[in-house]
PDB file of N, CA and C in Angstrom:
ATOM      1  N   ASN A   1       0.851  -1.193  -0.024  1.00  0.00           N
ATOM      2  CA  ASN A   1       0.015  -0.028  -0.024  1.00  0.00           C
ATOM      3  C   ASN A   1       0.837   1.207  -0.015  1.00  0.00           C
ATOM      4  N   ASN A   2       2.127   1.120   0.094  1.00  0.00           N
ATOM      5  CA  ASN A   2       3.081   2.217   0.119  1.00  0.00           C
ATOM      6  C   ASN A   2       3.365   2.651  -1.408  1.00  0.00           C
ATOM      7  N   ASN A   3       2.955   3.836  -1.699  1.00  0.00           N
ATOM      8  CA  ASN A   3       3.015   4.253  -3.129  1.00  0.00           C
ATOM      9  C   ASN A   3       4.350   5.056  -3.416  1.00  0.00           C
ATOM     10  N   GLY A   4       5.316   5.007  -2.558  1.00  0.00           N
ATOM     11  CA  GLY A   4       6.541   5.766  -2.715  1.00  0.00           C
ATOM     12  C   GLY A   4       6.422   7.112  -2.194  1.00  0.00           C
ATOM     13  N   SER A   5       5.398   7.642  -1.637  1.00  0.00           N
ATOM     14  CA  SER A   5       5.356   9.047  -1.208  1.00  0.00           C
ATOM     15  C   SER A   5       5.867   9.226   0.187  1.00  0.00           C
ATOM     16  N   GLY A   6       6.241   8.090   0.934  1.00  0.00           N
ATOM     17  CA  GLY A   6       6.666   8.197   2.298  1.00  0.00           C
ATOM     18  C   GLY A   6       5.577   8.516   3.254  1.00  0.00           C
ATOM     19  N   GLY A   7       4.352   8.183   2.870  1.00  0.00           N
ATOM     20  CA  GLY A   7       3.134   8.601   3.609  1.00  0.00           C
ATOM     21  C   GLY A   7       2.985   7.870   4.998  1.00  0.00           C
ATOM     22  N   ASN A   8       2.126   6.907   5.002  1.00  0.00           N
ATOM     23  CA  ASN A   8       1.932   6.298   6.295  1.00  0.00           C
ATOM     24  C   ASN A   8       2.435   4.929   6.491  1.00  0.00           C
ATOM     25  N   ASN A   9       3.468   4.666   5.709  1.00  0.00           N
ATOM     26  CA  ASN A   9       4.216   3.400   5.778  1.00  0.00           C
ATOM     27  C   ASN A   9       3.378   2.092   5.800  1.00  0.00           C
ATOM     28  N   GLY A  10       2.366   2.100   5.090  1.00  0.00           N
ATOM     29  CA  GLY A  10       1.530   0.963   4.868  1.00  0.00           C
ATOM     30  C   GLY A  10       0.508   0.678   5.998  1.00  0.00           C
ATOM     31  N   ASN A  11       0.307   1.637   6.866  1.00  0.00           N
ATOM     32  CA  ASN A  11      -0.686   1.473   7.887  1.00  0.00           C
ATOM     33  C   ASN A  11      -2.050   1.940   7.351  1.00  0.00           C
ATOM     34  N   SER A  12      -2.751   1.039   6.610  1.00  0.00           N
ATOM     35  CA  SER A  12      -4.023   1.400   6.108  1.00  0.00           C
ATOM     36  C   SER A  12      -5.040   1.403   7.030  1.00  0.00           C
ATOM     37  N   GLY A  13      -4.888   0.805   8.148  1.00  0.00           N
ATOM     38  CA  GLY A  13      -5.909   0.671   9.227  1.00  0.00           C
ATOM     39  C   GLY A  13      -5.935   1.820  10.151  1.00  0.00           C
ATOM     40  N   SER A  14      -5.079   2.818  10.021  1.00  0.00           N
ATOM     41  CA  SER A  14      -5.032   3.850  11.013  1.00  0.00           C
ATOM     42  C   SER A  14      -6.007   5.023  10.772  1.00  0.00           C
ATOM     43  N   GLY A  15      -6.703   4.913   9.661  1.00  0.00           N
ATOM     44  CA  GLY A  15      -7.711   5.924   9.379  1.00  0.00           C
ATOM     45  C   GLY A  15      -7.112   7.343   9.010  1.00  0.00           C
ATOM     46  N   GLY A  16      -5.755   7.344   8.792  1.00  0.00           N
ATOM     47  CA  GLY A  16      -5.187   8.596   8.420  1.00  0.00           C
ATOM     48  C   GLY A  16      -4.917   9.574   9.497  1.00  0.00           C
ATOM     49  N   ASN A  17      -5.074   9.237  10.816  1.00  0.00           N
ATOM     50  CA  ASN A  17      -4.914  10.176  11.922  1.00  0.00           C
ATOM     51  C   ASN A  17      -3.542  10.104  12.470  1.00  0.00           C
ATOM     52  N   GLY A  18      -2.571   9.366  11.913  1.00  0.00           N
ATOM     53  CA  GLY A  18      -1.164   9.371  12.357  1.00  0.00           C
ATOM     54  C   GLY A  18      -0.944   8.297  13.423  1.00  0.00           C
ATOM     55  N   GLY A  19      -2.013   7.508  13.747  1.00  0.00           N
ATOM     56  CA  GLY A  19      -1.788   6.471  14.789  1.00  0.00           C
ATOM     57  C   GLY A  19      -1.226   5.241  14.158  1.00  0.00           C
ATOM     58  N   ASP A  20      -1.149   4.162  14.962  1.00  0.00           N
ATOM     59  CA  ASP A  20      -0.627   2.987  14.424  1.00  0.00           C
ATOM     60  C   ASP A  20      -1.701   1.911  14.220  1.00  0.00           C
ATOM     61  N   GLY A  21      -3.022   2.353  14.447  1.00  0.00           N
ATOM     62  CA  GLY A  21      -4.113   1.455  14.212  1.00  0.00           C
ATOM     63  C   GLY A  21      -4.489   0.504  15.276  1.00  0.00           C
ATOM     64  N   ASP A  22      -3.890   0.632  16.453  1.00  0.00           N
ATOM     65  CA  ASP A  22      -4.182  -0.307  17.535  1.00  0.00           C
ATOM     66  C   ASP A  22      -5.244   0.232  18.476  1.00  0.00           C
ATOM     67  N   GLY A  23      -5.803   1.427  18.236  1.00  0.00           N
ATOM     68  CA  GLY A  23      -6.912   1.973  19.052  1.00  0.00           C
ATOM     69  C   GLY A  23      -6.455   2.610  20.269  1.00  0.00           C
ATOM     70  N   GLU A  24      -5.111   2.685  20.603  1.00  0.00           N
ATOM     71  CA  GLU A  24      -4.681   3.374  21.780  1.00  0.00           C
ATOM     72  C   GLU A  24      -4.202   4.847  21.407  1.00  0.00           C
ATOM     73  N   ASP A  25      -4.165   5.552  22.459  1.00  0.00           N
ATOM     74  CA  ASP A  25      -3.663   6.918  22.344  1.00  0.00           C
ATOM     75  C   ASP A  25      -2.165   6.934  22.127  1.00  0.00           C
ATOM     76  N   ASP A  26      -1.720   7.537  21.082  1.00  0.00           N
ATOM     77  CA  ASP A  26      -0.282   7.520  20.779  1.00  0.00           C
ATOM     78  C   ASP A  26       0.431   8.763  21.213  1.00  0.00           C
ATOM     79  N   GLY A  27      -0.185   9.515  22.154  1.00  0.00           N
ATOM     80  CA  GLY A  27       0.500  10.696  22.651  1.00  0.00           C
ATOM     81  C   GLY A  27       0.393  11.948  21.736  1.00  0.00           C
ATOM     82  N   GLY A  28      -0.699  11.903  20.899  1.00  0.00           N
ATOM     83  CA  GLY A  28      -0.969  12.972  20.053  1.00  0.00           C
ATOM     84  C   GLY A  28      -1.375  14.269  20.754  1.00  0.00           C
ATOM     85  N   ASN A  29      -2.526  14.856  20.384  1.00  0.00           N
ATOM     86  CA  ASN A  29      -2.985  16.058  20.959  1.00  0.00           C
ATOM     87  C   ASN A  29      -3.776  15.898  22.284  1.00  0.00           C
ATOM     88  N   GLY A  30      -4.226  14.724  22.565  1.00  0.00           N
ATOM     89  CA  GLY A  30      -5.086  14.511  23.764  1.00  0.00           C
ATOM     90  C   GLY A  30      -4.624  13.384  24.599  1.00  0.00           C
ATOM     91  N   GLY A  31      -5.073  13.411  25.825  1.00  0.00           N
ATOM     92  CA  GLY A  31      -4.903  12.311  26.759  1.00  0.00           C
ATOM     93  C   GLY A  31      -3.608  12.279  27.519  1.00  0.00           C
ATOM     94  N   ASN A  32      -2.556  13.046  27.050  1.00  0.00           N
ATOM     95  CA  ASN A  32      -1.195  12.974  27.744  1.00  0.00           C
ATOM     96  C   ASN A  32      -0.955  14.319  28.348  1.00  0.00           C
ATOM     97  N   ASN A  33      -1.616  14.562  29.539  1.00  0.00           N
ATOM     98  CA  ASN A  33      -1.559  15.855  30.115  1.00  0.00           C
ATOM     99  C   ASN A  33      -0.261  16.048  30.990  1.00  0.00           C
ATOM    100  N   ASP A  34       0.521  14.976  31.196  1.00  0.00           N
ATOM    101  CA  ASP A  34       1.678  15.155  31.970  1.00  0.00           C
ATOM    102  C   ASP A  34       2.756  16.073  31.397  1.00  0.00           C
ATOM    103  N   GLN A  35       2.769  16.150  30.105  1.00  0.00           N
ATOM    104  CA  GLN A  35       3.807  16.981  29.393  1.00  0.00           C
ATOM    105  C   GLN A  35       3.388  18.384  29.043  1.00  0.00           C
ATOM    106  N   VAL A  36       2.123  18.712  29.360  1.00  0.00           N
ATOM    107  CA  VAL A  36       1.609  20.017  28.975  1.00  0.00           C
ATOM    108  C   VAL A  36       2.086  21.093  29.917  1.00  0.00           C
ATOM    109  N   ALA A  37       2.653  22.172  29.467  1.00  0.00           N
ATOM    110  CA  ALA A  37       3.105  23.235  30.353  1.00  0.00           C
ATOM    111  C   ALA A  37       1.949  23.879  31.076  1.00  0.00           C
ATOM    112  N   LYS A  38       2.054  24.120  32.404  1.00  0.00           N
ATOM    113  CA  LYS A  38       0.998  24.735  33.135  1.00  0.00           C
ATOM    114  C   LYS A  38       0.973  26.268  32.935  1.00  0.00           C
ATOM    115  N   LYS A  39      -0.165  26.920  32.973  1.00  0.00           N
ATOM    116  CA  LYS A  39      -0.311  28.318  32.876  1.00  0.00           C
ATOM    117  C   LYS A  39       0.263  28.974  34.129  1.00  0.00           C
ATOM    118  N   SER A  40       0.943  30.064  33.947  1.00  0.00           N
ATOM    119  CA  SER A  40       1.362  30.818  35.094  1.00  0.00           C
ATOM    120  C   SER A  40       0.277  31.699  35.528  1.00  0.00           C
ATOM    121  N   LYS A  41       0.339  32.106  36.841  1.00  0.00           N
ATOM    122  CA  LYS A  41      -0.777  32.990  37.387  1.00  0.00           C
ATOM    123  C   LYS A  41      -0.489  34.477  36.925  1.00  0.00           C
ATOM    124  N   ALA A  42      -1.535  35.188  36.749  1.00  0.00           N
ATOM    125  CA  ALA A  42      -1.337  36.585  36.289  1.00  0.00           C
ATOM    126  C   ALA A  42      -0.532  37.398  37.293  1.00  0.00           C
ATOM    127  N   ARG A  43       0.129  38.413  36.810  1.00  0.00           N
ATOM    128  CA  ARG A  43       0.889  39.284  37.708  1.00  0.00           C
ATOM    129  C   ARG A  43      -0.010  40.320  38.551  1.00  0.00           C
ATOM    130  N   THR A  44      -1.116  40.528  37.931  1.00  0.00           N
ATOM    131  CA  THR A  44      -2.027  41.388  38.617  1.00  0.00           C
ATOM    132  C   THR A  44      -3.412  40.787  38.865  1.00  0.00           C
ATOM    133  N   ILE A  45      -4.168  41.222  39.844  1.00  0.00           N
ATOM    134  CA  ILE A  45      -5.441  40.697  40.054  1.00  0.00           C
ATOM    135  C   ILE A  45      -6.463  41.828  40.274  1.00  0.00           C
ATOM    136  N   LEU A  46      -7.714  41.535  39.929  1.00  0.00           N
ATOM    137  CA  LEU A  46      -8.745  42.613  40.179  1.00  0.00           C
ATOM    138  C   LEU A  46      -9.370  42.390  41.569  1.00  0.00           C
ATOM    139  N   VAL A  47      -9.448  43.491  42.318  1.00  0.00           N
ATOM    140  CA  VAL A  47     -10.074  43.412  43.651  1.00  0.00           C
ATOM    141  C   VAL A  47     -11.145  44.414  43.758  1.00  0.00           C
ATOM    142  N   LYS A  48     -12.043  44.161  44.664  1.00  0.00           N
ATOM    143  CA  LYS A  48     -13.198  45.122  44.930  1.00  0.00           C
ATOM    144  C   LYS A  48     -12.798  45.929  46.157  1.00  0.00           C
ATOM    145  N   LEU A  49     -12.964  47.251  46.017  1.00  0.00           N
ATOM    146  CA  LEU A  49     -12.812  48.185  47.260  1.00  0.00           C
ATOM    147  C   LEU A  49     -14.176  48.558  47.695  1.00  0.00           C
ATOM    148  N   LEU A  50     -14.551  48.102  48.826  1.00  0.00           N
ATOM    149  CA  LEU A  50     -15.872  48.165  49.353  1.00  0.00           C
ATOM    150  C   LEU A  50     -15.922  49.344  50.414  1.00  0.00           C
ATOM    151  N   SER A  51     -16.998  50.120  50.316  1.00  0.00           N
ATOM    152  CA  SER A  51     -17.102  51.278  51.212  1.00  0.00           C
ATOM    153  C   SER A  51     -17.326  50.832  52.670  1.00  0.00           C
ATOM    154  N   SER A  52     -16.611  51.581  53.593  1.00  0.00           N
ATOM    155  CA  SER A  52     -16.853  51.178  55.037  1.00  0.00           C
ATOM    156  C   SER A  52     -18.054  51.778  55.612  1.00  0.00           C
ATOM    157  N   ALA A  53     -18.800  52.634  54.802  1.00  0.00           N
ATOM    158  CA  ALA A  53     -20.054  53.239  55.250  1.00  0.00           C
ATOM    159  C   ALA A  53     -21.116  52.291  55.107  1.00  0.00           C
ATOM    160  N   ASN A  54     -20.908  51.034  54.643  1.00  0.00           N
ATOM    161  CA  ASN A  54     -21.940  49.967  54.441  1.00  0.00           C
ATOM    162  C   ASN A  54     -23.084  50.388  53.529  1.00  0.00           C
ATOM    163  N   THR A  55     -22.740  51.123  52.532  1.00  0.00           N
ATOM    164  CA  THR A  55     -23.685  51.536  51.508  1.00  0.00           C
ATOM    165  C   THR A  55     -23.765  50.527  50.340  1.00  0.00           C
ATOM    166  N   GLY A  56     -22.756  49.645  50.278  1.00  0.00           N
ATOM    167  CA  GLY A  56     -22.792  48.674  49.143  1.00  0.00           C
ATOM    168  C   GLY A  56     -21.979  49.282  47.916  1.00  0.00           C
ATOM    169  N   TYR A  57     -21.584  50.532  48.034  1.00  0.00           N
ATOM    170  CA  TYR A  57     -20.893  51.104  46.920  1.00  0.00           C
ATOM    171  C   TYR A  57     -19.477  50.632  46.839  1.00  0.00           C
ATOM    172  N   PHE A  58     -19.000  50.298  45.648  1.00  0.00           N
ATOM    173  CA  PHE A  58     -17.541  49.789  45.539  1.00  0.00           C
ATOM    174  C   PHE A  58     -16.903  50.297  44.226  1.00  0.00           C
ATOM    175  N   TYR A  59     -15.567  50.273  44.287  1.00  0.00           N
ATOM    176  CA  TYR A  59     -14.732  50.479  43.086  1.00  0.00           C
ATOM    177  C   TYR A  59     -14.065  49.205  42.801  1.00  0.00           C
ATOM    178  N   VAL A  60     -13.694  48.943  41.514  1.00  0.00           N
ATOM    179  CA  VAL A  60     -12.870  47.749  41.138  1.00  0.00           C
ATOM    180  C   VAL A  60     -11.565  48.289  40.732  1.00  0.00           C
ATOM    181  N   ARG A  61     -10.424  47.708  41.276  1.00  0.00           N
ATOM    182  CA  ARG A  61      -9.079  48.155  41.061  1.00  0.00           C
ATOM    183  C   ARG A  61      -8.230  46.968  40.796  1.00  0.00           C
ATOM    184  N   SER A  62      -7.179  47.225  40.037  1.00  0.00           N
ATOM    185  CA  SER A  62      -6.133  46.275  39.783  1.00  0.00           C
ATOM    186  C   SER A  62      -4.998  46.418  40.718  1.00  0.00           C
ATOM    187  N   ARG A  63      -4.397  45.275  41.264  1.00  0.00           N
ATOM    188  CA  ARG A  63      -3.187  45.495  42.080  1.00  0.00           C
ATOM    189  C   ARG A  63      -2.213  44.262  41.716  1.00  0.00           C
ATOM    190  N   PRO A  64      -0.986  44.522  42.065  1.00  0.00           N
ATOM    191  CA  PRO A  64      -0.011  43.356  41.813  1.00  0.00           C
ATOM    192  C   PRO A  64      -0.380  42.165  42.801  1.00  0.00           C
ATOM    193  N   ARG A  65      -0.199  41.015  42.341  1.00  0.00           N
ATOM    194  CA  ARG A  65      -0.631  39.766  43.131  1.00  0.00           C
ATOM    195  C   ARG A  65       0.123  39.705  44.458  1.00  0.00           C
ATOM    196  N   LEU A  66       1.344  40.133  44.471  1.00  0.00           N
ATOM    197  CA  LEU A  66       2.081  39.960  45.678  1.00  0.00           C
ATOM    198  C   LEU A  66       2.107  41.155  46.676  1.00  0.00           C
ATOM    199  N   ALA A  67       1.429  42.269  46.257  1.00  0.00           N
ATOM    200  CA  ALA A  67       1.345  43.418  47.063  1.00  0.00           C
ATOM    201  C   ALA A  67       0.401  43.236  48.257  1.00  0.00           C
ATOM    202  N   ASP A  68       0.529  44.255  49.225  1.00  0.00           N
ATOM    203  CA  ASP A  68      -0.376  44.227  50.408  1.00  0.00           C
ATOM    204  C   ASP A  68      -1.773  44.574  49.953  1.00  0.00           C
ATOM    205  N   LYS A  69      -2.747  44.345  50.837  1.00  0.00           N
ATOM    206  CA  LYS A  69      -4.162  44.686  50.546  1.00  0.00           C
ATOM    207  C   LYS A  69      -4.329  46.156  50.424  1.00  0.00           C
ATOM    208  N   LEU A  70      -5.214  46.583  49.520  1.00  0.00           N
ATOM    209  CA  LEU A  70      -5.438  48.033  49.299  1.00  0.00           C
ATOM    210  C   LEU A  70      -6.416  48.577  50.301  1.00  0.00           C
ATOM    211  N   SER A  71      -6.224  49.875  50.591  1.00  0.00           N
ATOM    212  CA  SER A  71      -7.336  50.618  51.306  1.00  0.00           C
ATOM    213  C   SER A  71      -7.136  52.031  50.892  1.00  0.00           C
ATOM    214  N   PHE A  72      -8.176  52.751  50.552  1.00  0.00           N
ATOM    215  CA  PHE A  72      -8.152  54.106  50.044  1.00  0.00           C
ATOM    216  C   PHE A  72      -9.277  54.973  50.766  1.00  0.00           C
ATOM    217  N   MET A  73      -9.045  56.283  50.933  1.00  0.00           N
ATOM    218  CA  MET A  73     -10.055  57.235  51.177  1.00  0.00           C
ATOM    219  C   MET A  73     -10.606  57.683  49.842  1.00  0.00           C
ATOM    220  N   LYS A  74     -11.749  57.343  49.580  1.00  0.00           N
ATOM    221  CA  LYS A  74     -12.431  57.708  48.227  1.00  0.00           C
ATOM    222  C   LYS A  74     -13.805  58.141  48.565  1.00  0.00           C
ATOM    223  N   PHE A  75     -14.372  58.852  47.468  1.00  0.00           N
ATOM    224  CA  PHE A  75     -15.693  59.388  47.629  1.00  0.00           C
ATOM    225  C   PHE A  75     -16.778  58.432  47.486  1.00  0.00           C
ATOM    226  N   ASP A  76     -17.701  58.346  48.422  1.00  0.00           N
ATOM    227  CA  ASP A  76     -18.926  57.521  48.301  1.00  0.00           C
ATOM    228  C   ASP A  76     -20.179  58.338  48.069  1.00  0.00           C
ATOM    229  N   PRO A  77     -20.633  58.335  46.855  1.00  0.00           N
ATOM    230  CA  PRO A  77     -21.739  59.207  46.488  1.00  0.00           C
ATOM    231  C   PRO A  77     -23.129  58.957  47.216  1.00  0.00           C
ATOM    232  N   ARG A  78     -23.220  57.778  47.828  1.00  0.00           N
ATOM    233  CA  ARG A  78     -24.418  57.473  48.548  1.00  0.00           C
ATOM    234  C   ARG A  78     -24.469  58.167  49.858  1.00  0.00           C
ATOM    235  N   VAL A  79     -23.316  58.512  50.524  1.00  0.00           N
ATOM    236  CA  VAL A  79     -23.391  59.246  51.658  1.00  0.00           C
ATOM    237  C   VAL A  79     -22.789  60.688  51.532  1.00  0.00           C
ATOM    238  N   ASN A  80     -22.378  60.889  50.246  1.00  0.00           N
ATOM    239  CA  ASN A  80     -21.873  62.246  49.825  1.00  0.00           C
ATOM    240  C   ASN A  80     -20.645  62.666  50.652  1.00  0.00           C
ATOM    241  N   LYS A  81     -19.757  61.775  50.913  1.00  0.00           N
ATOM    242  CA  LYS A  81     -18.512  62.149  51.631  1.00  0.00           C
ATOM    243  C   LYS A  81     -17.425  61.083  51.357  1.00  0.00           C
ATOM    244  N   HIS A  82     -16.210  61.509  51.672  1.00  0.00           N
ATOM    245  CA  HIS A  82     -15.050  60.600  51.547  1.00  0.00           C
ATOM    246  C   HIS A  82     -15.044  59.556  52.673  1.00  0.00           C
ATOM    247  N   VAL A  83     -14.983  58.313  52.388  1.00  0.00           N
ATOM    248  CA  VAL A  83     -14.862  57.303  53.384  1.00  0.00           C
ATOM    249  C   VAL A  83     -13.796  56.365  53.065  1.00  0.00           C
ATOM    250  N   LEU A  84     -13.437  55.465  53.999  1.00  0.00           N
ATOM    251  CA  LEU A  84     -12.441  54.385  53.839  1.00  0.00           C
ATOM    252  C   LEU A  84     -12.992  53.317  52.942  1.00  0.00           C
ATOM    253  N   PHE A  85     -12.287  52.863  51.955  1.00  0.00           N
ATOM    254  CA  PHE A  85     -12.674  51.773  51.049  1.00  0.00           C
ATOM    255  C   PHE A  85     -11.577  50.717  51.255  1.00  0.00           C
ATOM    256  N   THR A  86     -12.004  49.526  51.672  1.00  0.00           N
ATOM    257  CA  THR A  86     -11.022  48.442  51.901  1.00  0.00           C
ATOM    258  C   THR A  86     -11.257  47.340  50.877  1.00  0.00           C
ATOM    259  N   GLU A  87     -10.175  46.504  50.717  1.00  0.00           N
ATOM    260  CA  GLU A  87     -10.182  45.464  49.718  1.00  0.00           C
ATOM    261  C   GLU A  87     -10.940  44.223  50.125  1.00  0.00           C
ATOM    262  N   HIS A  88     -11.763  43.723  49.252  1.00  0.00           N
ATOM    263  CA  HIS A  88     -12.366  42.481  49.317  1.00  0.00           C
ATOM    264  C   HIS A  88     -12.292  41.662  48.089  1.00  0.00           C
ATOM    265  N   LYS A  89     -12.520  40.376  48.106  1.00  0.00           N
ATOM    266  CA  LYS A  89     -12.430  39.512  46.995  1.00  0.00           C
ATOM    267  C   LYS A  89     -13.517  39.839  45.967  1.00  0.00           C
ATOM    268  N   LEU A  90     -13.117  39.947  44.697  1.00  0.00           N
ATOM    269  CA  LEU A  90     -14.130  40.091  43.639  1.00  0.00           C
ATOM    270  C   LEU A  90     -14.664  38.800  43.267  1.00  0.00           C
ATOM    271  N   LYS A  91     -16.043  38.646  43.350  1.00  0.00           N
ATOM    272  CA  LYS A  91     -16.592  37.347  43.097  1.00  0.00           C
ATOM    273  C   LYS A  91     -17.006  37.236  41.650  1.00  0.00           C
TER     274      LYS A  91
END
């Protein structure tokens, strides 16, 4: 079945997918997750800055992953004054 093109070396039972026709996974694109490089974590994360006036008003801010938690004095329009905003996890 080899026509001289150097194709699939006479494996007519492989279905043309590069396997050896035995029905097992030959380490192609799937099934072998041991060798796949893992994704690295992002350098920055998004955090929620929640008002300490308990109005539910918040800002979303980006910060470096390894930095300390953020807290700012910012304006809360629901109480019409500057209050402390502290970092909480963005859900």
